[in-house]
PDB file of N, CA and C in Angstrom:
ATOM      1  N   UNK A   1      45.052  45.392  42.137  1.00  0.00           N
ATOM      2  CA  UNK A   1      44.348  45.218  40.891  1.00  0.00           C
ATOM      3  C   UNK A   1      45.379  45.293  39.763  1.00  0.00           C
ATOM      4  N   UNK A   2      45.232  44.395  38.815  1.00  0.00           N
ATOM      5  CA  UNK A   2      46.135  44.361  37.672  1.00  0.00           C
ATOM      6  C   UNK A   2      45.335  44.491  36.373  1.00  0.00           C
ATOM      7  N   UNK A   3      45.340  45.653  35.764  1.00  0.00           N
ATOM      8  CA  UNK A   3      44.633  45.769  34.489  1.00  0.00           C
ATOM      9  C   UNK A   3      45.423  45.045  33.403  1.00  0.00           C
ATOM     10  N   UNK A   4      44.726  44.238  32.626  1.00  0.00           N
ATOM     11  CA  UNK A   4      45.343  43.487  31.557  1.00  0.00           C
ATOM     12  C   UNK A   4      44.612  43.756  30.256  1.00  0.00           C
ATOM     13  N   UNK A   5      45.311  44.062  29.197  1.00  0.00           N
ATOM     14  CA  UNK A   5      44.700  44.341  27.918  1.00  0.00           C
ATOM     15  C   UNK A   5      44.600  43.032  27.117  1.00  0.00           C
ATOM     16  N   UNK A   6      43.396  42.716  26.700  1.00  0.00           N
ATOM     17  CA  UNK A   6      43.122  41.540  25.859  1.00  0.00           C
ATOM     18  C   UNK A   6      42.415  41.985  24.619  1.00  0.00           C
ATOM     19  N   UNK A   7      42.495  41.175  23.587  1.00  0.00           N
ATOM     20  CA  UNK A   7      41.754  41.457  22.328  1.00  0.00           C
ATOM     21  C   UNK A   7      40.286  41.314  22.590  1.00  0.00           C
ATOM     22  N   UNK A   8      39.510  42.051  21.849  1.00  0.00           N
ATOM     23  CA  UNK A   8      38.019  42.002  22.011  1.00  0.00           C
ATOM     24  C   UNK A   8      37.486  40.576  21.918  1.00  0.00           C
ATOM     25  N   UNK A   9      37.994  39.813  20.995  1.00  0.00           N
ATOM     26  CA  UNK A   9      37.555  38.423  20.826  1.00  0.00           C
ATOM     27  C   UNK A   9      37.835  37.587  22.088  1.00  0.00           C
ATOM     28  N   UNK A  10      38.977  37.816  22.694  1.00  0.00           N
ATOM     29  CA  UNK A  10      39.337  37.072  23.920  1.00  0.00           C
ATOM     30  C   UNK A  10      38.391  37.459  25.063  1.00  0.00           C
ATOM     31  N   UNK A  11      38.107  38.736  25.186  1.00  0.00           N
ATOM     32  CA  UNK A  11      37.206  39.171  26.211  1.00  0.00           C
ATOM     33  C   UNK A  11      35.815  38.595  26.002  1.00  0.00           C
ATOM     34  N   UNK A  12      35.402  38.542  24.744  1.00  0.00           N
ATOM     35  CA  UNK A  12      34.067  37.972  24.401  1.00  0.00           C
ATOM     36  C   UNK A  12      34.006  36.504  24.826  1.00  0.00           C
ATOM     37  N   UNK A  13      35.043  35.771  24.573  1.00  0.00           N
ATOM     38  CA  UNK A  13      35.083  34.352  24.999  1.00  0.00           C
ATOM     39  C   UNK A  13      34.928  34.239  26.499  1.00  0.00           C
ATOM     40  N   UNK A  14      35.688  35.016  27.248  1.00  0.00           N
ATOM     41  CA  UNK A  14      35.604  35.001  28.702  1.00  0.00           C
ATOM     42  C   UNK A  14      34.228  35.371  29.203  1.00  0.00           C
ATOM     43  N   UNK A  15      33.661  36.419  28.625  1.00  0.00           N
ATOM     44  CA  UNK A  15      32.354  36.863  29.073  1.00  0.00           C
ATOM     45  C   UNK A  15      31.261  35.834  28.735  1.00  0.00           C
ATOM     46  N   UNK A  16      31.331  35.256  27.564  1.00  0.00           N
ATOM     47  CA  UNK A  16      30.360  34.222  27.180  1.00  0.00           C
ATOM     48  C   UNK A  16      30.429  33.019  28.129  1.00  0.00           C
ATOM     49  N   UNK A  17      31.655  32.584  28.392  1.00  0.00           N
ATOM     50  CA  UNK A  17      31.803  31.454  29.308  1.00  0.00           C
ATOM     51  C   UNK A  17      31.350  31.795  30.721  1.00  0.00           C
ATOM     52  N   UNK A  18      31.581  32.998  31.160  1.00  0.00           N
ATOM     53  CA  UNK A  18      31.128  33.406  32.493  1.00  0.00           C
ATOM     54  C   UNK A  18      29.608  33.330  32.617  1.00  0.00           C
ATOM     55  N   UNK A  19      28.917  33.629  31.528  1.00  0.00           N
ATOM     56  CA  UNK A  19      27.456  33.581  31.527  1.00  0.00           C
ATOM     57  C   UNK A  19      26.965  32.124  31.382  1.00  0.00           C
ATOM     58  N   UNK A  20      27.592  31.357  30.512  1.00  0.00           N
ATOM     59  CA  UNK A  20      27.110  30.026  30.182  1.00  0.00           C
ATOM     60  C   UNK A  20      27.534  28.924  31.160  1.00  0.00           C
ATOM     61  N   UNK A  21      28.677  29.073  31.817  1.00  0.00           N
ATOM     62  CA  UNK A  21      29.235  28.011  32.673  1.00  0.00           C
ATOM     63  C   UNK A  21      29.078  28.403  34.130  1.00  0.00           C
ATOM     64  N   UNK A  22      28.288  27.658  34.828  1.00  0.00           N
ATOM     65  CA  UNK A  22      28.088  27.922  36.263  1.00  0.00           C
ATOM     66  C   UNK A  22      29.415  27.708  37.032  1.00  0.00           C
ATOM     67  N   UNK A  23      29.703  28.669  37.873  1.00  0.00           N
ATOM     68  CA  UNK A  23      30.941  28.579  38.667  1.00  0.00           C
ATOM     69  C   UNK A  23      32.207  28.778  37.862  1.00  0.00           C
ATOM     70  N   UNK A  24      32.071  29.385  36.709  1.00  0.00           N
ATOM     71  CA  UNK A  24      33.217  29.579  35.819  1.00  0.00           C
ATOM     72  C   UNK A  24      34.335  30.382  36.527  1.00  0.00           C
ATOM     73  N   UNK A  25      35.542  29.937  36.362  1.00  0.00           N
ATOM     74  CA  UNK A  25      36.720  30.566  36.967  1.00  0.00           C
ATOM     75  C   UNK A  25      37.819  30.779  35.954  1.00  0.00           C
ATOM     76  N   UNK A  26      38.491  31.869  36.099  1.00  0.00           N
ATOM     77  CA  UNK A  26      39.656  32.212  35.285  1.00  0.00           C
ATOM     78  C   UNK A  26      40.845  32.363  36.223  1.00  0.00           C
ATOM     79  N   UNK A  27      41.981  31.864  35.770  1.00  0.00           N
ATOM     80  CA  UNK A  27      43.199  31.956  36.553  1.00  0.00           C
ATOM     81  C   UNK A  27      44.122  33.005  35.904  1.00  0.00           C
ATOM     82  N   UNK A  28      44.605  33.912  36.700  1.00  0.00           N
ATOM     83  CA  UNK A  28      45.626  34.898  36.231  1.00  0.00           C
ATOM     84  C   UNK A  28      46.922  34.511  36.899  1.00  0.00           C
ATOM     85  N   UNK A  29      47.851  34.003  36.128  1.00  0.00           N
ATOM     86  CA  UNK A  29      49.155  33.552  36.605  1.00  0.00           C
ATOM     87  C   UNK A  29      50.164  34.668  36.331  1.00  0.00           C
ATOM     88  N   UNK A  30      50.430  35.476  37.353  1.00  0.00           N
ATOM     89  CA  UNK A  30      51.330  36.597  37.188  1.00  0.00           C
ATOM     90  C   UNK A  30      52.749  36.128  36.963  1.00  0.00           C
ATOM     91  N   UNK A  31      53.136  35.067  37.618  1.00  0.00           N
ATOM     92  CA  UNK A  31      54.504  34.559  37.446  1.00  0.00           C
ATOM     93  C   UNK A  31      54.811  34.179  36.028  1.00  0.00           C
ATOM     94  N   UNK A  32      53.871  33.553  35.339  1.00  0.00           N
ATOM     95  CA  UNK A  32      54.039  33.093  33.968  1.00  0.00           C
ATOM     96  C   UNK A  32      53.399  34.001  32.941  1.00  0.00           C
ATOM     97  N   UNK A  33      52.725  35.102  33.432  1.00  0.00           N
ATOM     98  CA  UNK A  33      52.076  36.069  32.575  1.00  0.00           C
ATOM     99  C   UNK A  33      51.052  35.387  31.665  1.00  0.00           C
ATOM    100  N   UNK A  34      50.131  34.644  32.294  1.00  0.00           N
ATOM    101  CA  UNK A  34      49.182  33.831  31.556  1.00  0.00           C
ATOM    102  C   UNK A  34      47.798  33.897  32.184  1.00  0.00           C
ATOM    103  N   UNK A  35      46.777  34.038  31.345  1.00  0.00           N
ATOM    104  CA  UNK A  35      45.370  33.971  31.791  1.00  0.00           C
ATOM    105  C   UNK A  35      44.807  32.691  31.180  1.00  0.00           C
ATOM    106  N   UNK A  36      44.160  31.875  32.004  1.00  0.00           N
ATOM    107  CA  UNK A  36      43.660  30.591  31.490  1.00  0.00           C
ATOM    108  C   UNK A  36      42.414  30.157  32.265  1.00  0.00           C
ATOM    109  N   UNK A  37      41.720  29.186  31.684  1.00  0.00           N
ATOM    110  CA  UNK A  37      40.616  28.514  32.391  1.00  0.00           C
ATOM    111  C   UNK A  37      40.787  27.019  32.165  1.00  0.00           C
ATOM    112  N   UNK A  38      39.864  26.244  32.740  1.00  0.00           N
ATOM    113  CA  UNK A  38      39.959  24.778  32.592  1.00  0.00           C
ATOM    114  C   UNK A  38      39.197  24.287  31.364  1.00  0.00           C
ATOM    115  N   UNK A  39      38.830  25.181  30.472  1.00  0.00           N
ATOM    116  CA  UNK A  39      38.074  24.840  29.280  1.00  0.00           C
ATOM    117  C   UNK A  39      38.846  25.117  28.004  1.00  0.00           C
ATOM    118  N   UNK A  40      40.178  25.211  28.119  1.00  0.00           N
ATOM    119  CA  UNK A  40      41.018  25.379  26.948  1.00  0.00           C
ATOM    120  C   UNK A  40      41.434  26.786  26.597  1.00  0.00           C
ATOM    121  N   UNK A  41      40.939  27.764  27.322  1.00  0.00           N
ATOM    122  CA  UNK A  41      41.321  29.160  27.058  1.00  0.00           C
ATOM    123  C   UNK A  41      42.660  29.449  27.690  1.00  0.00           C
ATOM    124  N   UNK A  42      43.553  30.054  26.948  1.00  0.00           N
ATOM    125  CA  UNK A  42      44.866  30.413  27.456  1.00  0.00           C
ATOM    126  C   UNK A  42      45.422  31.547  26.610  1.00  0.00           C
ATOM    127  N   UNK A  43      45.848  32.607  27.251  1.00  0.00           N
ATOM    128  CA  UNK A  43      46.432  33.746  26.549  1.00  0.00           C
ATOM    129  C   UNK A  43      47.479  34.395  27.446  1.00  0.00           C
ATOM    130  N   UNK A  44      48.583  34.804  26.825  1.00  0.00           N
ATOM    131  CA  UNK A  44      49.613  35.486  27.595  1.00  0.00           C
ATOM    132  C   UNK A  44      49.307  36.985  27.621  1.00  0.00           C
ATOM    133  N   UNK A  45      49.884  37.676  28.594  1.00  0.00           N
ATOM    134  CA  UNK A  45      49.689  39.127  28.681  1.00  0.00           C
ATOM    135  C   UNK A  45      51.042  39.760  29.008  1.00  0.00           C
ATOM    136  N   UNK A  46      51.143  41.052  28.705  1.00  0.00           N
ATOM    137  CA  UNK A  46      52.372  41.794  28.928  1.00  0.00           C
ATOM    138  C   UNK A  46      52.269  42.576  30.227  1.00  0.00           C
ATOM    139  N   UNK A  47      53.362  42.632  30.943  1.00  0.00           N
ATOM    140  CA  UNK A  47      53.501  43.452  32.137  1.00  0.00           C
ATOM    141  C   UNK A  47      54.975  43.763  32.299  1.00  0.00           C
ATOM    142  N   UNK A  48      55.281  44.964  32.693  1.00  0.00           N
ATOM    143  CA  UNK A  48      56.667  45.370  32.895  1.00  0.00           C
ATOM    144  C   UNK A  48      57.337  44.525  33.974  1.00  0.00           C
ATOM    145  N   UNK A  49      58.600  44.272  33.828  1.00  0.00           N
ATOM    146  CA  UNK A  49      59.343  43.444  34.780  1.00  0.00           C
ATOM    147  C   UNK A  49      59.318  44.031  36.181  1.00  0.00           C
ATOM    148  N   UNK A  50      59.467  45.338  36.310  1.00  0.00           N
ATOM    149  CA  UNK A  50      59.501  45.962  37.603  1.00  0.00           C
ATOM    150  C   UNK A  50      58.145  45.869  38.298  1.00  0.00           C
ATOM    151  N   UNK A  51      57.062  46.154  37.549  1.00  0.00           N
ATOM    152  CA  UNK A  51      55.694  46.072  38.097  1.00  0.00           C
ATOM    153  C   UNK A  51      55.424  44.604  38.519  1.00  0.00           C
ATOM    154  N   UNK A  52      55.800  43.676  37.685  1.00  0.00           N
ATOM    155  CA  UNK A  52      55.589  42.278  37.972  1.00  0.00           C
ATOM    156  C   UNK A  52      56.324  41.860  39.257  1.00  0.00           C
ATOM    157  N   UNK A  53      57.590  42.297  39.366  1.00  0.00           N
ATOM    158  CA  UNK A  53      58.387  42.010  40.548  1.00  0.00           C
ATOM    159  C   UNK A  53      57.718  42.539  41.804  1.00  0.00           C
ATOM    160  N   UNK A  54      57.286  43.804  41.776  1.00  0.00           N
ATOM    161  CA  UNK A  54      56.640  44.416  42.939  1.00  0.00           C
ATOM    162  C   UNK A  54      55.386  43.680  43.330  1.00  0.00           C
ATOM    163  N   UNK A  55      54.575  43.294  42.362  1.00  0.00           N
ATOM    164  CA  UNK A  55      53.334  42.561  42.675  1.00  0.00           C
ATOM    165  C   UNK A  55      53.645  41.189  43.236  1.00  0.00           C
ATOM    166  N   UNK A  56      54.603  40.486  42.655  1.00  0.00           N
ATOM    167  CA  UNK A  56      54.942  39.150  43.152  1.00  0.00           C
ATOM    168  C   UNK A  56      55.503  39.210  44.570  1.00  0.00           C
ATOM    169  N   UNK A  57      56.248  40.294  44.863  1.00  0.00           N
ATOM    170  CA  UNK A  57      56.862  40.419  46.193  1.00  0.00           C
ATOM    171  C   UNK A  57      55.952  41.151  47.188  1.00  0.00           C
ATOM    172  N   UNK A  58      54.802  41.637  46.700  1.00  0.00           N
ATOM    173  CA  UNK A  58      53.899  42.384  47.570  1.00  0.00           C
ATOM    174  C   UNK A  58      54.442  43.703  48.046  1.00  0.00           C
ATOM    175  N   UNK A  59      55.180  44.374  47.164  1.00  0.00           N
ATOM    176  CA  UNK A  59      55.842  45.622  47.538  1.00  0.00           C
ATOM    177  C   UNK A  59      55.111  46.843  46.998  1.00  0.00           C
ATOM    178  N   UNK A  60      54.845  47.813  47.907  1.00  0.00           N
ATOM    179  CA  UNK A  60      54.369  49.101  47.508  1.00  0.00           C
ATOM    180  C   UNK A  60      55.552  50.038  47.628  1.00  0.00           C
ATOM    181  N   UNK A  61      55.308  51.360  47.522  1.00  0.00           N
ATOM    182  CA  UNK A  61      56.419  52.328  47.600  1.00  0.00           C
ATOM    183  C   UNK A  61      57.172  52.233  48.919  1.00  0.00           C
ATOM    184  N   UNK A  62      56.442  52.078  49.989  1.00  0.00           N
ATOM    185  CA  UNK A  62      57.085  51.980  51.299  1.00  0.00           C
ATOM    186  C   UNK A  62      57.898  50.703  51.404  1.00  0.00           C
ATOM    187  N   UNK A  63      57.341  49.603  50.949  1.00  0.00           N
ATOM    188  CA  UNK A  63      58.042  48.318  50.989  1.00  0.00           C
ATOM    189  C   UNK A  63      59.324  48.367  50.163  1.00  0.00           C
ATOM    190  N   UNK A  64      59.262  49.021  49.014  1.00  0.00           N
ATOM    191  CA  UNK A  64      60.472  49.184  48.173  1.00  0.00           C
ATOM    192  C   UNK A  64      61.534  49.972  48.925  1.00  0.00           C
ATOM    193  N   UNK A  65      61.095  51.035  49.593  1.00  0.00           N
ATOM    194  CA  UNK A  65      62.034  51.871  50.353  1.00  0.00           C
ATOM    195  C   UNK A  65      62.673  51.051  51.492  1.00  0.00           C
ATOM    196  N   UNK A  66      61.828  50.292  52.173  1.00  0.00           N
ATOM    197  CA  UNK A  66      62.352  49.511  53.310  1.00  0.00           C
ATOM    198  C   UNK A  66      63.318  48.414  52.925  1.00  0.00           C
ATOM    199  N   UNK A  67      63.312  48.006  51.657  1.00  0.00           N
ATOM    200  CA  UNK A  67      64.294  47.028  51.206  1.00  0.00           C
ATOM    201  C   UNK A  67      65.703  47.636  51.282  1.00  0.00           C
ATOM    202  N   UNK A  68      65.800  48.966  51.368  1.00  0.00           N
ATOM    203  CA  UNK A  68      67.080  49.662  51.456  1.00  0.00           C
ATOM    204  C   UNK A  68      67.301  50.244  52.854  1.00  0.00           C
ATOM    205  N   UNK A  69      66.602  49.704  53.831  1.00  0.00           N
ATOM    206  CA  UNK A  69      66.631  50.250  55.171  1.00  0.00           C
ATOM    207  C   UNK A  69      68.057  50.307  55.758  1.00  0.00           C
ATOM    208  N   UNK A  70      68.859  49.294  55.544  1.00  0.00           N
ATOM    209  CA  UNK A  70      70.227  49.300  56.066  1.00  0.00           C
ATOM    210  C   UNK A  70      71.071  50.398  55.432  1.00  0.00           C
ATOM    211  N   UNK A  71      70.933  50.585  54.124  1.00  0.00           N
ATOM    212  CA  UNK A  71      71.660  51.669  53.430  1.00  0.00           C
ATOM    213  C   UNK A  71      71.219  53.009  53.909  1.00  0.00           C
ATOM    214  N   UNK A  72      69.906  53.179  54.119  1.00  0.00           N
ATOM    215  CA  UNK A  72      69.382  54.472  54.610  1.00  0.00           C
ATOM    216  C   UNK A  72      69.919  54.733  56.011  1.00  0.00           C
ATOM    217  N   UNK A  73      69.896  53.754  56.871  1.00  0.00           N
ATOM    218  CA  UNK A  73      70.421  53.911  58.262  1.00  0.00           C
ATOM    219  C   UNK A  73      71.917  54.273  58.228  1.00  0.00           C
ATOM    220  N   UNK A  74      72.674  53.592  57.371  1.00  0.00           N
ATOM    221  CA  UNK A  74      74.102  53.894  57.284  1.00  0.00           C
ATOM    222  C   UNK A  74      74.315  55.333  56.800  1.00  0.00           C
ATOM    223  N   UNK A  75      73.549  55.767  55.835  1.00  0.00           N
ATOM    224  CA  UNK A  75      73.654  57.134  55.325  1.00  0.00           C
ATOM    225  C   UNK A  75      73.326  58.139  56.435  1.00  0.00           C
ATOM    226  N   UNK A  76      72.273  57.853  57.187  1.00  0.00           N
ATOM    227  CA  UNK A  76      71.859  58.773  58.263  1.00  0.00           C
ATOM    228  C   UNK A  76      72.945  58.903  59.317  1.00  0.00           C
ATOM    229  N   UNK A  77      73.653  57.843  59.645  1.00  0.00           N
ATOM    230  CA  UNK A  77      74.691  57.936  60.671  1.00  0.00           C
ATOM    231  C   UNK A  77      75.940  58.622  60.145  1.00  0.00           C
ATOM    232  N   UNK A  78      76.155  58.663  58.857  1.00  0.00           N
ATOM    233  CA  UNK A  78      77.391  59.217  58.289  1.00  0.00           C
ATOM    234  C   UNK A  78      77.246  60.674  57.834  1.00  0.00           C
ATOM    235  N   UNK A  79      76.059  61.205  57.771  1.00  0.00           N
ATOM    236  CA  UNK A  79      75.939  62.581  57.295  1.00  0.00           C
ATOM    237  C   UNK A  79      76.283  63.564  58.417  1.00  0.00           C
ATOM    238  N   UNK A  80      76.707  64.767  58.065  1.00  0.00           N
ATOM    239  CA  UNK A  80      77.116  65.764  59.072  1.00  0.00           C
ATOM    240  C   UNK A  80      75.979  66.084  60.036  1.00  0.00           C
ATOM    241  N   UNK A  81      76.350  66.392  61.287  1.00  0.00           N
ATOM    242  CA  UNK A  81      75.348  66.669  62.321  1.00  0.00           C
ATOM    243  C   UNK A  81      74.468  67.863  61.952  1.00  0.00           C
ATOM    244  N   UNK A  82      75.056  68.849  61.270  1.00  0.00           N
ATOM    245  CA  UNK A  82      74.252  70.031  60.926  1.00  0.00           C
ATOM    246  C   UNK A  82      73.126  69.746  59.952  1.00  0.00           C
ATOM    247  N   UNK A  83      73.190  68.562  59.308  1.00  0.00           N
ATOM    248  CA  UNK A  83      72.129  68.182  58.381  1.00  0.00           C
ATOM    249  C   UNK A  83      71.001  67.412  59.041  1.00  0.00           C
ATOM    250  N   UNK A  84      71.189  67.025  60.327  1.00  0.00           N
ATOM    251  CA  UNK A  84      70.130  66.265  61.008  1.00  0.00           C
ATOM    252  C   UNK A  84      68.978  67.130  61.376  1.00  0.00           C
ATOM    253  N   UNK A  85      67.760  66.593  61.246  1.00  0.00           N
ATOM    254  CA  UNK A  85      66.576  67.390  61.635  1.00  0.00           C
ATOM    255  C   UNK A  85      66.577  67.674  63.125  1.00  0.00           C
ATOM    256  N   UNK A  86      66.032  68.785  63.494  1.00  0.00           N
ATOM    257  CA  UNK A  86      65.981  69.174  64.917  1.00  0.00           C
ATOM    258  C   UNK A  86      64.712  68.751  65.561  1.00  0.00           C
TER     259      UNK A  86
END
């Protein structure tokens, strides 16, 4: 889920169209940071670069960690034996 802050007027337009237009659809383009419909509505939204990257790549905390799996494995093999879990 991606919470997006819009102006009250923009939300009103979307809600009115959702009620008035059968099958109304809105597109949220995360790559271009744009919310639009096929009836002329278009508004940009803000999102942090890191959050946007993670969403576009489908990364959660574990996925982010696993992107460094080789570095973690190398670290594990190089640390002193007394530091290894028993």
